[in-house]
Amino acid sequence: LIGLGVAGYFTARLQGVTGSVALGGLAGLA
């Protein structure tokens, strides 16, 4: 859970479909 919070902080800077995929993947892990 702590690791997801750290990853989400940095991944939120991504835009476009790349951001959708990366953030969606983290959401799936959660």
PDB file of all heavy atoms in Angstrom:
ATOM      1  N   LEU A   1       0.824  -1.200   0.000  1.00  0.00           N
ATOM      2  CA  LEU A   1       0.000   0.000   0.000  1.00  0.00           C
ATOM      3  C   LEU A   1       0.866   1.261   0.000  1.00  0.00           C
ATOM      4  O   LEU A   1       0.598   2.216  -0.743  1.00  0.00           O
ATOM      5  CB  LEU A   1      -0.922  -0.007   1.220  1.00  0.00           C
ATOM      6  CG  LEU A   1      -1.819   1.217   1.406  1.00  0.00           C
ATOM      7  CD1 LEU A   1      -2.775   1.375   0.227  1.00  0.00           C
ATOM      8  CD2 LEU A   1      -2.605   1.106   2.715  1.00  0.00           C
ATOM      9  N   ILE A   2       1.904   1.264   0.831  1.00  0.00           N
ATOM     10  CA  ILE A   2       2.823   2.407   0.881  1.00  0.00           C
ATOM     11  C   ILE A   2       3.519   2.581  -0.479  1.00  0.00           C
ATOM     12  O   ILE A   2       3.645   3.693  -1.006  1.00  0.00           O
ATOM     13  CB  ILE A   2       3.850   2.217   2.002  1.00  0.00           C
ATOM     14  CG1 ILE A   2       3.150   2.207   3.363  1.00  0.00           C
ATOM     15  CG2 ILE A   2       4.902   3.331   1.962  1.00  0.00           C
ATOM     16  CD1 ILE A   2       4.048   1.806   4.521  1.00  0.00           C
ATOM     17  N   GLY A   3       3.947   1.473  -1.065  1.00  0.00           N
ATOM     18  CA  GLY A   3       4.592   1.528  -2.363  1.00  0.00           C
ATOM     19  C   GLY A   3       3.682   2.068  -3.446  1.00  0.00           C
ATOM     20  O   GLY A   3       4.121   2.832  -4.322  1.00  0.00           O
ATOM     21  N   LEU A   4       2.402   1.705  -3.408  1.00  0.00           N
ATOM     22  CA  LEU A   4       1.441   2.221  -4.385  1.00  0.00           C
ATOM     23  C   LEU A   4       1.269   3.734  -4.256  1.00  0.00           C
ATOM     24  O   LEU A   4       1.136   4.444  -5.264  1.00  0.00           O
ATOM     25  CB  LEU A   4       0.078   1.535  -4.199  1.00  0.00           C
ATOM     26  CG  LEU A   4      -0.116   0.184  -4.882  1.00  0.00           C
ATOM     27  CD1 LEU A   4      -1.491  -0.363  -4.539  1.00  0.00           C
ATOM     28  CD2 LEU A   4       0.047   0.315  -6.388  1.00  0.00           C
ATOM     29  N   GLY A   5       1.275   4.223  -3.023  1.00  0.00           N
ATOM     30  CA  GLY A   5       1.156   5.663  -2.817  1.00  0.00           C
ATOM     31  C   GLY A   5       2.317   6.417  -3.431  1.00  0.00           C
ATOM     32  O   GLY A   5       2.138   7.449  -4.097  1.00  0.00           O
ATOM     33  N   VAL A   6       3.529   5.895  -3.243  1.00  0.00           N
ATOM     34  CA  VAL A   6       4.727   6.530  -3.812  1.00  0.00           C
ATOM     35  C   VAL A   6       4.680   6.468  -5.337  1.00  0.00           C
ATOM     36  O   VAL A   6       4.944   7.463  -6.027  1.00  0.00           O
ATOM     37  CB  VAL A   6       6.004   5.840  -3.286  1.00  0.00           C
ATOM     38  CG1 VAL A   6       7.242   6.396  -3.992  1.00  0.00           C
ATOM     39  CG2 VAL A   6       6.124   6.030  -1.777  1.00  0.00           C
ATOM     40  N   ALA A   7       4.330   5.308  -5.885  1.00  0.00           N
ATOM     41  CA  ALA A   7       4.255   5.163  -7.340  1.00  0.00           C
ATOM     42  C   ALA A   7       3.181   6.072  -7.930  1.00  0.00           C
ATOM     43  O   ALA A   7       3.383   6.675  -8.992  1.00  0.00           O
ATOM     44  CB  ALA A   7       3.964   3.703  -7.694  1.00  0.00           C
ATOM     45  N   GLY A   8       2.043   6.196  -7.245  1.00  0.00           N
ATOM     46  CA  GLY A   8       0.975   7.058  -7.739  1.00  0.00           C
ATOM     47  C   GLY A   8       1.380   8.519  -7.791  1.00  0.00           C
ATOM     48  O   GLY A   8       0.997   9.258  -8.708  1.00  0.00           O
ATOM     49  N   TYR A   9       2.182   8.939  -6.825  1.00  0.00           N
ATOM     50  CA  TYR A   9       2.646  10.333  -6.779  1.00  0.00           C
ATOM     51  C   TYR A   9       3.418  10.698  -8.041  1.00  0.00           C
ATOM     52  O   TYR A   9       3.233  11.778  -8.617  1.00  0.00           O
ATOM     53  CB  TYR A   9       3.506  10.534  -5.542  1.00  0.00           C
ATOM     54  CG  TYR A   9       4.139  11.903  -5.442  1.00  0.00           C
ATOM     55  CD1 TYR A   9       3.411  12.992  -4.951  1.00  0.00           C
ATOM     56  CD2 TYR A   9       5.455  12.111  -5.845  1.00  0.00           C
ATOM     57  CE1 TYR A   9       3.991  14.258  -4.871  1.00  0.00           C
ATOM     58  CE2 TYR A   9       6.031  13.366  -5.760  1.00  0.00           C
ATOM     59  CZ  TYR A   9       5.295  14.437  -5.271  1.00  0.00           C
ATOM     60  OH  TYR A   9       5.867  15.680  -5.205  1.00  0.00           O
ATOM     61  N   PHE A  10       4.291   9.800  -8.492  1.00  0.00           N
ATOM     62  CA  PHE A  10       5.116  10.089  -9.672  1.00  0.00           C
ATOM     63  C   PHE A  10       4.364   9.795 -10.982  1.00  0.00           C
ATOM     64  O   PHE A  10       4.503  10.516 -11.966  1.00  0.00           O
ATOM     65  CB  PHE A  10       6.409   9.280  -9.615  1.00  0.00           C
ATOM     66  CG  PHE A  10       7.342   9.721  -8.521  1.00  0.00           C
ATOM     67  CD1 PHE A  10       7.446   9.013  -7.340  1.00  0.00           C
ATOM     68  CD2 PHE A  10       8.111  10.871  -8.668  1.00  0.00           C
ATOM     69  CE1 PHE A  10       8.301   9.424  -6.331  1.00  0.00           C
ATOM     70  CE2 PHE A  10       8.971  11.292  -7.657  1.00  0.00           C
ATOM     71  CZ  PHE A  10       9.068  10.568  -6.491  1.00  0.00           C
ATOM     72  N   THR A  11       3.545   8.747 -10.995  1.00  0.00           N
ATOM     73  CA  THR A  11       2.853   8.351 -12.215  1.00  0.00           C
ATOM     74  C   THR A  11       1.785   9.364 -12.607  1.00  0.00           C
ATOM     75  O   THR A  11       1.442   9.476 -13.791  1.00  0.00           O
ATOM     76  CB  THR A  11       2.215   6.958 -12.027  1.00  0.00           C
ATOM     77  OG1 THR A  11       3.218   6.051 -11.575  1.00  0.00           O
ATOM     78  CG2 THR A  11       1.640   6.434 -13.332  1.00  0.00           C
ATOM     79  N   ALA A  12       1.248  10.106 -11.647  1.00  0.00           N
ATOM     80  CA  ALA A  12       0.202  11.090 -11.938  1.00  0.00           C
ATOM     81  C   ALA A  12       0.685  12.186 -12.883  1.00  0.00           C
ATOM     82  O   ALA A  12      -0.131  12.908 -13.469  1.00  0.00           O
ATOM     83  CB  ALA A  12      -0.304  11.712 -10.638  1.00  0.00           C
ATOM     84  N   ARG A  13       1.995  12.295 -13.083  1.00  0.00           N
ATOM     85  CA  ARG A  13       2.532  13.323 -13.977  1.00  0.00           C
ATOM     86  C   ARG A  13       2.434  12.921 -15.452  1.00  0.00           C
ATOM     87  O   ARG A  13       2.608  13.751 -16.333  1.00  0.00           O
ATOM     88  CB  ARG A  13       4.000  13.597 -13.632  1.00  0.00           C
ATOM     89  CG  ARG A  13       4.193  14.059 -12.180  1.00  0.00           C
ATOM     90  CD  ARG A  13       5.662  14.172 -11.827  1.00  0.00           C
ATOM     91  NE  ARG A  13       5.854  14.508 -10.418  1.00  0.00           N
ATOM     92  CZ  ARG A  13       7.038  14.645  -9.833  1.00  0.00           C
ATOM     93  NH1 ARG A  13       8.140  14.483 -10.551  1.00  0.00           N
ATOM     94  NH2 ARG A  13       7.132  14.944  -8.551  1.00  0.00           N
ATOM     95  N   LEU A  14       2.178  11.640 -15.730  1.00  0.00           N
ATOM     96  CA  LEU A  14       2.093  11.167 -17.110  1.00  0.00           C
ATOM     97  C   LEU A  14       0.783  11.606 -17.745  1.00  0.00           C
ATOM     98  O   LEU A  14      -0.252  11.683 -17.086  1.00  0.00           O
ATOM     99  CB  LEU A  14       2.208   9.644 -17.151  1.00  0.00           C
ATOM    100  CG  LEU A  14       3.509   9.048 -16.620  1.00  0.00           C
ATOM    101  CD1 LEU A  14       3.434   7.526 -16.626  1.00  0.00           C
ATOM    102  CD2 LEU A  14       4.698   9.532 -17.441  1.00  0.00           C
ATOM    103  N   GLN A  15       0.821  11.844 -19.066  1.00  0.00           N
ATOM    104  CA  GLN A  15      -0.358  12.318 -19.787  1.00  0.00           C
ATOM    105  C   GLN A  15      -0.719  11.348 -20.903  1.00  0.00           C
ATOM    106  O   GLN A  15       0.022  10.422 -21.220  1.00  0.00           O
ATOM    107  CB  GLN A  15      -0.093  13.716 -20.360  1.00  0.00           C
ATOM    108  CG  GLN A  15       0.264  14.771 -19.324  1.00  0.00           C
ATOM    109  CD  GLN A  15      -0.812  14.949 -18.277  1.00  0.00           C
ATOM    110  OE1 GLN A  15      -1.984  15.125 -18.611  1.00  0.00           O
ATOM    111  NE2 GLN A  15      -0.433  14.899 -17.007  1.00  0.00           N
ATOM    112  N   GLY A  16      -1.876  11.589 -21.544  1.00  0.00           N
ATOM    113  CA  GLY A  16      -2.294  10.812 -22.697  1.00  0.00           C
ATOM    114  C   GLY A  16      -2.600   9.365 -22.354  1.00  0.00           C
ATOM    115  O   GLY A  16      -2.815   8.993 -21.209  1.00  0.00           O
ATOM    116  N   VAL A  17      -2.615   8.520 -23.418  1.00  0.00           N
ATOM    117  CA  VAL A  17      -2.917   7.106 -23.228  1.00  0.00           C
ATOM    118  C   VAL A  17      -1.886   6.443 -22.321  1.00  0.00           C
ATOM    119  O   VAL A  17      -2.215   5.561 -21.536  1.00  0.00           O
ATOM    120  CB  VAL A  17      -2.987   6.385 -24.594  1.00  0.00           C
ATOM    121  CG1 VAL A  17      -3.153   4.885 -24.405  1.00  0.00           C
ATOM    122  CG2 VAL A  17      -4.142   6.925 -25.427  1.00  0.00           C
ATOM    123  N   THR A  18      -0.615   6.893 -22.400  1.00  0.00           N
ATOM    124  CA  THR A  18       0.414   6.348 -21.501  1.00  0.00           C
ATOM    125  C   THR A  18       0.030   6.555 -20.043  1.00  0.00           C
ATOM    126  O   THR A  18       0.169   5.651 -19.207  1.00  0.00           O
ATOM    127  CB  THR A  18       1.771   7.024 -21.778  1.00  0.00           C
ATOM    128  OG1 THR A  18       2.139   6.794 -23.137  1.00  0.00           O
ATOM    129  CG2 THR A  18       2.849   6.467 -20.854  1.00  0.00           C
ATOM    130  N   GLY A  19      -0.474   7.757 -19.718  1.00  0.00           N
ATOM    131  CA  GLY A  19      -0.922   8.021 -18.358  1.00  0.00           C
ATOM    132  C   GLY A  19      -2.117   7.171 -17.981  1.00  0.00           C
ATOM    133  O   GLY A  19      -2.210   6.662 -16.853  1.00  0.00           O
ATOM    134  N   SER A  20      -3.060   6.995 -18.936  1.00  0.00           N
ATOM    135  CA  SER A  20      -4.228   6.155 -18.673  1.00  0.00           C
ATOM    136  C   SER A  20      -3.813   4.731 -18.334  1.00  0.00           C
ATOM    137  O   SER A  20      -4.325   4.113 -17.394  1.00  0.00           O
ATOM    138  CB  SER A  20      -5.162   6.142 -19.897  1.00  0.00           C
ATOM    139  OG  SER A  20      -5.774   7.390 -20.101  1.00  0.00           O
ATOM    140  N   VAL A  21      -2.855   4.195 -19.111  1.00  0.00           N
ATOM    141  CA  VAL A  21      -2.406   2.813 -18.903  1.00  0.00           C
ATOM    142  C   VAL A  21      -1.671   2.673 -17.572  1.00  0.00           C
ATOM    143  O   VAL A  21      -1.942   1.761 -16.789  1.00  0.00           O
ATOM    144  CB  VAL A  21      -1.500   2.371 -20.069  1.00  0.00           C
ATOM    145  CG1 VAL A  21      -0.831   1.032 -19.752  1.00  0.00           C
ATOM    146  CG2 VAL A  21      -2.315   2.253 -21.348  1.00  0.00           C
ATOM    147  N   ALA A  22      -0.731   3.590 -17.297  1.00  0.00           N
ATOM    148  CA  ALA A  22       0.076   3.486 -16.078  1.00  0.00           C
ATOM    149  C   ALA A  22      -0.778   3.659 -14.826  1.00  0.00           C
ATOM    150  O   ALA A  22      -0.682   2.866 -13.873  1.00  0.00           O
ATOM    151  CB  ALA A  22       1.190   4.522 -16.111  1.00  0.00           C
ATOM    152  N   LEU A  23      -1.618   4.693 -14.814  1.00  0.00           N
ATOM    153  CA  LEU A  23      -2.461   4.934 -13.646  1.00  0.00           C
ATOM    154  C   LEU A  23      -3.531   3.852 -13.497  1.00  0.00           C
ATOM    155  O   LEU A  23      -3.864   3.440 -12.382  1.00  0.00           O
ATOM    156  CB  LEU A  23      -3.109   6.315 -13.753  1.00  0.00           C
ATOM    157  CG  LEU A  23      -2.141   7.485 -13.539  1.00  0.00           C
ATOM    158  CD1 LEU A  23      -2.742   8.776 -14.066  1.00  0.00           C
ATOM    159  CD2 LEU A  23      -1.784   7.632 -12.072  1.00  0.00           C
ATOM    160  N   GLY A  24      -4.065   3.395 -14.629  1.00  0.00           N
ATOM    161  CA  GLY A  24      -5.033   2.298 -14.573  1.00  0.00           C
ATOM    162  C   GLY A  24      -4.412   1.036 -14.010  1.00  0.00           C
ATOM    163  O   GLY A  24      -5.044   0.303 -13.242  1.00  0.00           O
ATOM    164  N   GLY A  25      -3.141   0.765 -14.379  1.00  0.00           N
ATOM    165  CA  GLY A  25      -2.456  -0.397 -13.839  1.00  0.00           C
ATOM    166  C   GLY A  25      -2.281  -0.323 -12.332  1.00  0.00           C
ATOM    167  O   GLY A  25      -2.489  -1.307 -11.617  1.00  0.00           O
ATOM    168  N   LEU A  26      -1.903   0.856 -11.842  1.00  0.00           N
ATOM    169  CA  LEU A  26      -1.770   1.027 -10.393  1.00  0.00           C
ATOM    170  C   LEU A  26      -3.122   0.876  -9.696  1.00  0.00           C
ATOM    171  O   LEU A  26      -3.204   0.293  -8.606  1.00  0.00           O
ATOM    172  CB  LEU A  26      -1.166   2.401 -10.083  1.00  0.00           C
ATOM    173  CG  LEU A  26       0.304   2.600 -10.462  1.00  0.00           C
ATOM    174  CD1 LEU A  26       0.745   4.027 -10.139  1.00  0.00           C
ATOM    175  CD2 LEU A  26       1.200   1.602  -9.736  1.00  0.00           C
ATOM    176  N   ALA A  27      -4.179   1.407 -10.336  1.00  0.00           N
ATOM    177  CA  ALA A  27      -5.524   1.242  -9.772  1.00  0.00           C
ATOM    178  C   ALA A  27      -5.879  -0.236  -9.679  1.00  0.00           C
ATOM    179  O   ALA A  27      -6.458  -0.698  -8.683  1.00  0.00           O
ATOM    180  CB  ALA A  27      -6.550   1.982 -10.622  1.00  0.00           C
ATOM    181  N   GLY A  28      -5.519  -0.996 -10.723  1.00  0.00           N
ATOM    182  CA  GLY A  28      -5.792  -2.424 -10.714  1.00  0.00           C
ATOM    183  C   GLY A  28      -5.075  -3.152  -9.592  1.00  0.00           C
ATOM    184  O   GLY A  28      -5.628  -4.044  -8.945  1.00  0.00           O
ATOM    185  N   LEU A  29      -3.810  -2.768  -9.345  1.00  0.00           N
ATOM    186  CA  LEU A  29      -3.071  -3.372  -8.238  1.00  0.00           C
ATOM    187  C   LEU A  29      -3.741  -3.075  -6.902  1.00  0.00           C
ATOM    188  O   LEU A  29      -3.816  -3.944  -6.021  1.00  0.00           O
ATOM    189  CB  LEU A  29      -1.633  -2.862  -8.233  1.00  0.00           C
ATOM    190  CG  LEU A  29      -0.738  -3.339  -9.385  1.00  0.00           C
ATOM    191  CD1 LEU A  29       0.625  -2.658  -9.309  1.00  0.00           C
ATOM    192  CD2 LEU A  29      -0.572  -4.854  -9.361  1.00  0.00           C
ATOM    193  N   ALA A  30      -4.234  -1.846  -6.755  1.00  0.00           N
ATOM    194  CA  ALA A  30      -4.914  -1.474  -5.516  1.00  0.00           C
ATOM    195  C   ALA A  30      -6.205  -2.269  -5.336  1.00  0.00           C
ATOM    196  O   ALA A  30      -6.472  -2.824  -4.256  1.00  0.00           O
ATOM    197  CB  ALA A  30      -5.213   0.021  -5.515  1.00  0.00           C
TER     198      ALA A  30
END
